[in-house]
Amino acid sequence: MPKELGYKSSVVAMRFTRESISLTQAQQLVAVAITSIPGEIRAKYLRGRDISTVCADVQVDAIAIAPLELHAIVRVELTYEGDMVRSSGRTRAKINRRLQDLAQWRSAETVHEEIVSDSDCQKPRSG
């Protein structure tokens, strides 16, 4: 497997249950999420620099015990050393899994940040 040089990920769209959800419930929700890549995986090889970028929009969906649910689209871009455009099927499968793992991780991180920021807003101020 070629060496991964780095990655970028960002949430394009997200909808999840915010009302009375705890961090534990949120973690469980993301843990059972199903990831998929409904569109295409785009790869570019920069010959002069001998690096490739692989980019995809990954869908993350989880429905746990009602009303807990999560729907997100996460854009993930990986950078590799070498030519990934002409990679083997085995390498492509590993890249596909890596894209989905990073999307699920980014979703979990975003949900966590939202819950923490919501709970900070609801705390009474002392002073």
N, C-alpha and C. Protein backbone atom coordinates (compact mmCIF):
# COMPACT_ATOMS: atom_id res chain seq x y z
N MET A 1 0.85 -1.18 0.00
CA MET A 1 0.00 0.00 0.00
C MET A 1 0.89 1.23 0.00
N PRO A 2 0.64 2.15 -0.90
CA PRO A 2 1.40 3.40 -0.93
C PRO A 2 1.21 4.19 0.36
N LYS A 3 2.18 5.04 0.62
CA LYS A 3 2.19 5.81 1.86
C LYS A 3 1.17 6.96 1.79
N GLU A 4 0.33 7.05 2.83
CA GLU A 4 -0.60 8.17 2.95
C GLU A 4 0.15 9.36 3.53
N LEU A 5 0.07 10.49 2.84
CA LEU A 5 0.78 11.69 3.28
C LEU A 5 -0.08 12.59 4.16
N GLY A 6 -1.39 12.50 4.02
CA GLY A 6 -2.27 13.34 4.81
C GLY A 6 -3.71 13.22 4.36
N TYR A 7 -4.58 13.92 5.08
CA TYR A 7 -6.00 13.91 4.72
C TYR A 7 -6.64 15.21 5.17
N LYS A 8 -7.77 15.50 4.55
CA LYS A 8 -8.63 16.61 4.94
C LYS A 8 -10.05 16.07 4.95
N SER A 9 -10.84 16.57 5.90
CA SER A 9 -12.24 16.17 5.91
C SER A 9 -13.09 17.32 6.41
N SER A 10 -14.27 17.43 5.85
CA SER A 10 -15.19 18.48 6.28
C SER A 10 -16.62 17.99 6.12
N VAL A 11 -17.46 18.43 7.03
CA VAL A 11 -18.87 18.06 6.98
C VAL A 11 -19.57 18.99 6.00
N VAL A 12 -20.17 18.42 4.98
CA VAL A 12 -20.89 19.19 3.97
C VAL A 12 -22.32 19.45 4.44
N ALA A 13 -22.94 18.43 5.02
CA ALA A 13 -24.30 18.56 5.54
C ALA A 13 -24.47 17.59 6.70
N MET A 14 -25.21 18.02 7.72
CA MET A 14 -25.46 17.12 8.85
C MET A 14 -26.80 17.44 9.49
N ARG A 15 -27.49 16.38 9.83
CA ARG A 15 -28.74 16.48 10.57
C ARG A 15 -28.73 15.37 11.61
N PHE A 16 -28.92 15.74 12.88
CA PHE A 16 -29.01 14.72 13.91
C PHE A 16 -29.91 15.20 15.04
N THR A 17 -30.37 14.24 15.84
CA THR A 17 -31.25 14.52 16.97
C THR A 17 -30.44 15.23 18.04
N ARG A 18 -30.85 16.44 18.38
CA ARG A 18 -30.12 17.19 19.40
C ARG A 18 -30.83 17.20 20.75
N GLU A 19 -32.13 17.01 20.72
CA GLU A 19 -32.91 17.13 21.95
C GLU A 19 -32.59 16.00 22.92
N SER A 20 -32.16 16.38 24.09
CA SER A 20 -31.87 15.48 25.21
C SER A 20 -31.05 14.25 24.82
N ILE A 21 -30.01 14.45 24.06
CA ILE A 21 -29.11 13.36 23.71
C ILE A 21 -27.82 13.53 24.52
N SER A 22 -27.38 12.46 25.13
CA SER A 22 -26.16 12.52 25.92
C SER A 22 -24.97 12.19 25.03
N LEU A 23 -23.78 12.45 25.54
CA LEU A 23 -22.57 12.11 24.78
C LEU A 23 -22.48 10.61 24.55
N THR A 24 -22.87 9.83 25.54
CA THR A 24 -22.84 8.36 25.40
C THR A 24 -23.78 7.90 24.31
N GLN A 25 -24.98 8.46 24.29
CA GLN A 25 -25.94 8.10 23.24
C GLN A 25 -25.42 8.51 21.86
N ALA A 26 -24.80 9.68 21.79
CA ALA A 26 -24.24 10.16 20.53
C ALA A 26 -23.13 9.24 20.05
N GLN A 27 -22.27 8.80 20.95
CA GLN A 27 -21.19 7.89 20.58
C GLN A 27 -21.75 6.56 20.08
N GLN A 28 -22.78 6.07 20.76
CA GLN A 28 -23.41 4.82 20.32
C GLN A 28 -24.07 4.99 18.96
N LEU A 29 -24.68 6.14 18.74
CA LEU A 29 -25.35 6.41 17.47
C LEU A 29 -24.34 6.39 16.32
N VAL A 30 -23.21 7.07 16.51
CA VAL A 30 -22.19 7.10 15.46
C VAL A 30 -21.55 5.73 15.29
N ALA A 31 -21.42 4.97 16.38
CA ALA A 31 -20.81 3.64 16.30
C ALA A 31 -21.61 2.68 15.42
N VAL A 32 -22.93 2.86 15.39
CA VAL A 32 -23.77 1.97 14.57
C VAL A 32 -24.05 2.55 13.18
N ALA A 33 -23.42 3.68 12.88
CA ALA A 33 -23.67 4.33 11.59
C ALA A 33 -23.20 3.47 10.43
N ILE A 34 -23.93 3.58 9.36
CA ILE A 34 -23.58 2.89 8.11
C ILE A 34 -23.02 3.95 7.17
N THR A 35 -21.85 3.67 6.62
CA THR A 35 -21.23 4.61 5.69
C THR A 35 -21.29 4.05 4.28
N SER A 36 -21.40 4.96 3.33
CA SER A 36 -21.41 4.55 1.93
C SER A 36 -20.91 5.71 1.08
N ILE A 37 -20.48 5.38 -0.10
CA ILE A 37 -20.02 6.40 -1.05
C ILE A 37 -20.96 6.31 -2.25
N PRO A 38 -22.03 7.12 -2.22
CA PRO A 38 -23.03 7.01 -3.28
C PRO A 38 -22.57 7.55 -4.63
N GLY A 39 -21.63 8.47 -4.64
CA GLY A 39 -21.13 9.05 -5.88
C GLY A 39 -19.84 8.37 -6.31
N GLU A 40 -19.05 9.11 -7.04
CA GLU A 40 -17.79 8.56 -7.50
C GLU A 40 -16.63 8.96 -6.59
N ILE A 41 -15.60 8.15 -6.62
CA ILE A 41 -14.35 8.48 -5.93
C ILE A 41 -13.44 9.08 -7.00
N ARG A 42 -13.02 10.32 -6.77
CA ARG A 42 -12.20 11.01 -7.76
C ARG A 42 -10.73 10.92 -7.37
N ALA A 43 -9.89 10.59 -8.33
CA ALA A 43 -8.45 10.49 -8.08
C ALA A 43 -7.71 11.31 -9.13
N LYS A 44 -6.69 12.04 -8.66
CA LYS A 44 -5.83 12.82 -9.57
C LYS A 44 -4.39 12.49 -9.24
N TYR A 45 -3.60 12.33 -10.28
CA TYR A 45 -2.17 12.09 -10.10
C TYR A 45 -1.41 13.31 -10.59
N LEU A 46 -0.59 13.89 -9.72
CA LEU A 46 0.26 15.01 -10.08
C LEU A 46 1.65 14.46 -10.38
N ARG A 47 1.90 14.23 -11.64
CA ARG A 47 3.11 13.56 -12.09
C ARG A 47 4.39 14.27 -11.64
N GLY A 48 4.44 15.58 -11.73
CA GLY A 48 5.63 16.33 -11.36
C GLY A 48 6.00 16.22 -9.89
N ARG A 49 4.99 16.02 -9.05
CA ARG A 49 5.23 15.91 -7.60
C ARG A 49 5.16 14.46 -7.12
N ASP A 50 4.74 13.55 -7.98
CA ASP A 50 4.58 12.13 -7.67
C ASP A 50 3.66 11.91 -6.47
N ILE A 51 2.55 12.65 -6.45
CA ILE A 51 1.53 12.44 -5.42
C ILE A 51 0.16 12.35 -6.07
N SER A 52 -0.74 11.70 -5.37
CA SER A 52 -2.11 11.56 -5.83
C SER A 52 -3.06 12.06 -4.76
N THR A 53 -4.18 12.61 -5.21
CA THR A 53 -5.24 12.97 -4.28
C THR A 53 -6.46 12.12 -4.63
N VAL A 54 -7.12 11.65 -3.61
CA VAL A 54 -8.33 10.85 -3.76
C VAL A 54 -9.41 11.53 -2.94
N CYS A 55 -10.54 11.82 -3.57
CA CYS A 55 -11.59 12.61 -2.91
C CYS A 55 -12.95 11.96 -3.13
N ALA A 56 -13.79 11.99 -2.08
CA ALA A 56 -15.14 11.45 -2.20
C ALA A 56 -16.04 12.11 -1.17
N ASP A 57 -17.33 12.16 -1.50
CA ASP A 57 -18.35 12.57 -0.55
C ASP A 57 -18.94 11.29 0.04
N VAL A 58 -18.79 11.14 1.34
CA VAL A 58 -19.20 9.93 2.02
C VAL A 58 -20.46 10.20 2.82
N GLN A 59 -21.43 9.32 2.70
CA GLN A 59 -22.69 9.44 3.42
C GLN A 59 -22.61 8.62 4.70
N VAL A 60 -23.02 9.21 5.82
CA VAL A 60 -23.03 8.54 7.12
C VAL A 60 -24.46 8.58 7.63
N ASP A 61 -25.05 7.41 7.85
CA ASP A 61 -26.45 7.32 8.30
C ASP A 61 -26.56 6.38 9.48
N ALA A 62 -27.29 6.82 10.50
CA ALA A 62 -27.55 5.96 11.66
C ALA A 62 -28.94 6.25 12.20
N ILE A 63 -29.65 5.19 12.43
CA ILE A 63 -30.94 5.30 13.09
C ILE A 63 -30.91 4.30 14.23
N ALA A 64 -30.94 4.81 15.43
CA ALA A 64 -30.95 3.96 16.62
C ALA A 64 -32.37 3.91 17.16
N ILE A 65 -32.48 3.80 18.43
CA ILE A 65 -33.79 3.81 19.07
C ILE A 65 -34.41 5.18 18.81
N ALA A 66 -35.63 5.19 18.31
CA ALA A 66 -36.30 6.46 18.00
C ALA A 66 -36.28 7.36 19.22
N PRO A 67 -36.05 8.60 19.08
CA PRO A 67 -35.93 9.44 17.90
C PRO A 67 -34.48 9.73 17.52
N LEU A 68 -33.51 8.93 17.99
CA LEU A 68 -32.11 9.20 17.71
C LEU A 68 -31.76 8.83 16.28
N GLU A 69 -31.27 9.81 15.52
CA GLU A 69 -30.84 9.54 14.16
C GLU A 69 -29.78 10.55 13.73
N LEU A 70 -29.00 10.14 12.75
CA LEU A 70 -27.92 10.96 12.22
C LEU A 70 -27.84 10.74 10.71
N HIS A 71 -27.78 11.84 9.98
CA HIS A 71 -27.58 11.79 8.54
C HIS A 71 -26.52 12.85 8.22
N ALA A 72 -25.43 12.44 7.59
CA ALA A 72 -24.36 13.40 7.29
C ALA A 72 -23.73 13.07 5.95
N ILE A 73 -23.19 14.12 5.33
CA ILE A 73 -22.35 13.96 4.14
C ILE A 73 -21.03 14.62 4.48
N VAL A 74 -19.97 13.84 4.36
CA VAL A 74 -18.64 14.31 4.71
C VAL A 74 -17.74 14.21 3.49
N ARG A 75 -17.07 15.30 3.15
CA ARG A 75 -16.11 15.30 2.04
C ARG A 75 -14.74 14.95 2.62
N VAL A 76 -14.14 13.91 2.07
CA VAL A 76 -12.83 13.44 2.53
C VAL A 76 -11.87 13.46 1.36
N GLU A 77 -10.68 14.01 1.60
CA GLU A 77 -9.62 14.03 0.59
C GLU A 77 -8.36 13.43 1.19
N LEU A 78 -7.85 12.41 0.53
CA LEU A 78 -6.61 11.75 0.96
C LEU A 78 -5.49 12.12 0.00
N THR A 79 -4.29 12.23 0.52
CA THR A 79 -3.11 12.49 -0.31
C THR A 79 -2.15 11.32 -0.15
N TYR A 80 -1.72 10.77 -1.26
CA TYR A 80 -0.81 9.61 -1.26
C TYR A 80 0.44 9.90 -2.07
N GLU A 81 1.49 9.21 -1.72
CA GLU A 81 2.72 9.23 -2.51
C GLU A 81 2.52 8.23 -3.65
N GLY A 82 2.81 8.63 -4.86
CA GLY A 82 2.69 7.73 -6.00
C GLY A 82 1.39 7.88 -6.76
N ASP A 83 1.22 7.02 -7.76
CA ASP A 83 0.07 7.07 -8.67
C ASP A 83 -1.05 6.18 -8.16
N MET A 84 -2.12 6.79 -7.66
CA MET A 84 -3.26 6.03 -7.16
C MET A 84 -4.35 5.88 -8.22
N VAL A 85 -4.21 6.57 -9.33
CA VAL A 85 -5.22 6.49 -10.40
C VAL A 85 -5.23 5.07 -10.98
N ARG A 86 -4.08 4.47 -11.11
CA ARG A 86 -3.97 3.13 -11.68
C ARG A 86 -3.69 2.09 -10.59
N SER A 87 -4.35 2.20 -9.47
CA SER A 87 -4.11 1.28 -8.36
C SER A 87 -4.86 -0.04 -8.55
N SER A 88 -4.43 -1.04 -7.82
CA SER A 88 -5.05 -2.37 -7.90
C SER A 88 -6.40 -2.37 -7.18
N GLY A 89 -7.18 -3.38 -7.41
CA GLY A 89 -8.48 -3.51 -6.75
C GLY A 89 -8.34 -3.59 -5.24
N ARG A 90 -7.32 -4.27 -4.78
CA ARG A 90 -7.08 -4.40 -3.34
C ARG A 90 -6.75 -3.04 -2.71
N THR A 91 -5.92 -2.26 -3.39
CA THR A 91 -5.56 -0.94 -2.90
C THR A 91 -6.77 -0.02 -2.91
N ARG A 92 -7.57 -0.11 -3.97
CA ARG A 92 -8.79 0.71 -4.04
C ARG A 92 -9.76 0.37 -2.91
N ALA A 93 -9.86 -0.90 -2.56
CA ALA A 93 -10.73 -1.31 -1.46
C ALA A 93 -10.24 -0.72 -0.13
N LYS A 94 -8.93 -0.71 0.08
CA LYS A 94 -8.36 -0.12 1.30
C LYS A 94 -8.60 1.38 1.35
N ILE A 95 -8.47 2.04 0.22
CA ILE A 95 -8.72 3.49 0.16
C ILE A 95 -10.19 3.77 0.44
N ASN A 96 -11.07 2.97 -0.13
CA ASN A 96 -12.51 3.11 0.09
C ASN A 96 -12.83 3.00 1.59
N ARG A 97 -12.24 2.01 2.25
CA ARG A 97 -12.46 1.82 3.68
C ARG A 97 -11.91 3.00 4.48
N ARG A 98 -10.75 3.50 4.07
CA ARG A 98 -10.14 4.64 4.76
C ARG A 98 -11.02 5.88 4.64
N LEU A 99 -11.58 6.13 3.45
CA LEU A 99 -12.49 7.25 3.25
C LEU A 99 -13.69 7.15 4.18
N GLN A 100 -14.26 5.97 4.29
CA GLN A 100 -15.44 5.77 5.13
C GLN A 100 -15.10 5.90 6.61
N ASP A 101 -13.95 5.37 7.03
CA ASP A 101 -13.54 5.49 8.43
C ASP A 101 -13.34 6.95 8.83
N LEU A 102 -12.69 7.72 7.97
CA LEU A 102 -12.47 9.14 8.26
C LEU A 102 -13.78 9.92 8.31
N ALA A 103 -14.72 9.57 7.43
CA ALA A 103 -16.02 10.24 7.44
C ALA A 103 -16.78 9.95 8.73
N GLN A 104 -16.72 8.71 9.17
CA GLN A 104 -17.40 8.36 10.41
C GLN A 104 -16.74 9.07 11.60
N TRP A 105 -15.43 9.13 11.60
CA TRP A 105 -14.70 9.83 12.66
C TRP A 105 -15.06 11.31 12.67
N ARG A 106 -15.09 11.96 11.50
CA ARG A 106 -15.43 13.39 11.42
C ARG A 106 -16.86 13.63 11.89
N SER A 107 -17.77 12.72 11.55
CA SER A 107 -19.16 12.84 12.02
C SER A 107 -19.22 12.77 13.54
N ALA A 108 -18.52 11.83 14.12
CA ALA A 108 -18.50 11.69 15.58
C ALA A 108 -17.95 12.94 16.24
N GLU A 109 -16.88 13.45 15.68
CA GLU A 109 -16.26 14.66 16.23
C GLU A 109 -17.21 15.86 16.16
N THR A 110 -17.90 16.01 15.05
CA THR A 110 -18.83 17.13 14.87
C THR A 110 -20.02 17.02 15.81
N VAL A 111 -20.58 15.82 15.94
CA VAL A 111 -21.70 15.61 16.86
C VAL A 111 -21.26 15.93 18.29
N HIS A 112 -20.08 15.45 18.67
CA HIS A 112 -19.55 15.72 20.01
C HIS A 112 -19.44 17.22 20.25
N GLU A 113 -18.86 17.95 19.29
CA GLU A 113 -18.71 19.40 19.42
C GLU A 113 -20.06 20.09 19.56
N GLU A 114 -21.05 19.66 18.80
CA GLU A 114 -22.38 20.26 18.86
C GLU A 114 -23.03 20.03 20.22
N ILE A 115 -22.91 18.83 20.74
CA ILE A 115 -23.53 18.52 22.04
C ILE A 115 -22.85 19.31 23.15
N VAL A 116 -21.53 19.37 23.11
CA VAL A 116 -20.80 20.12 24.13
C VAL A 116 -21.13 21.61 24.05
N SER A 117 -21.19 22.16 22.85
CA SER A 117 -21.50 23.59 22.72
C SER A 117 -22.94 23.88 23.15
N ASP A 118 -23.88 22.97 22.86
CA ASP A 118 -25.26 23.15 23.31
C ASP A 118 -25.35 23.10 24.83
N SER A 119 -24.62 22.17 25.46
CA SER A 119 -24.69 22.06 26.91
C SER A 119 -23.99 23.24 27.58
N ASP A 120 -22.95 23.81 26.96
CA ASP A 120 -22.30 25.00 27.50
C ASP A 120 -23.23 26.20 27.49
N CYS A 121 -24.06 26.28 26.45
CA CYS A 121 -25.00 27.41 26.34
C CYS A 121 -26.10 27.32 27.39
N GLN A 122 -26.41 26.12 27.84
CA GLN A 122 -27.50 25.93 28.78
C GLN A 122 -27.07 26.03 30.24
N LYS A 123 -25.78 26.08 30.51
CA LYS A 123 -25.30 26.17 31.88
C LYS A 123 -25.57 27.57 32.44
N PRO A 124 -26.06 27.64 33.69
CA PRO A 124 -26.25 28.96 34.28
C PRO A 124 -24.90 29.60 34.59
N ARG A 125 -24.83 30.91 34.40
CA ARG A 125 -23.59 31.63 34.66
C ARG A 125 -23.48 31.92 36.15
N SER A 126 -22.27 31.75 36.66
CA SER A 126 -22.05 32.07 38.07
C SER A 126 -21.45 33.46 38.16
N GLY A 127 -21.68 34.10 39.26
CA GLY A 127 -21.02 35.39 39.41
C GLY A 127 -21.92 36.40 39.87
